[in-house]
């Protein structure tokens, strides 16, 4: 029994298509700071988290739901991993893949938080999770040094343009 050429061709195309894999870029703080300072009407929801932080892991689905609910609007969810850069391939990328995160994930590669944290938010003690919501056009800014429920996150975003 032979397989028709059209079916064999379709199967080979499907099997050779690249699978989606979330890219996790490694950045330094000046790069992140520059990105967050862009004159833009986009509202950024920036969550600082780590794979070892249980409250962080618990709230991540809320950020994914927020991203999906605001698709097509001027809202961008950035998930900033605070894991060590040496853990990128062993922990962070597998975690992102396993959780199916679709939001942009960056790994902040900074060894001394005291060198950059005050530049992001002078009130941040360094505890995780930490969330920043910012819109540079309207100069609105809100920070949360706590785990946020889906309802709290949605309510916080309601105060910003979309």
Foldseek 3Di string as FASTA:
>chain_A
DDDDPVVVVVVVVVVPDDDDFADAAEDEVVVVVVVQQDQDQAKEKEKEEEPVDVLRVVQVVLLQVVCVVQPPHRYAYEYEYADAPVCVVVPVRVVCVVVVRPGHYYYHHDDDCVVPVVVVPVPDPPAPTKIWIAGNNVGDIDIDRGRDHSVRVVVVCVVGHD
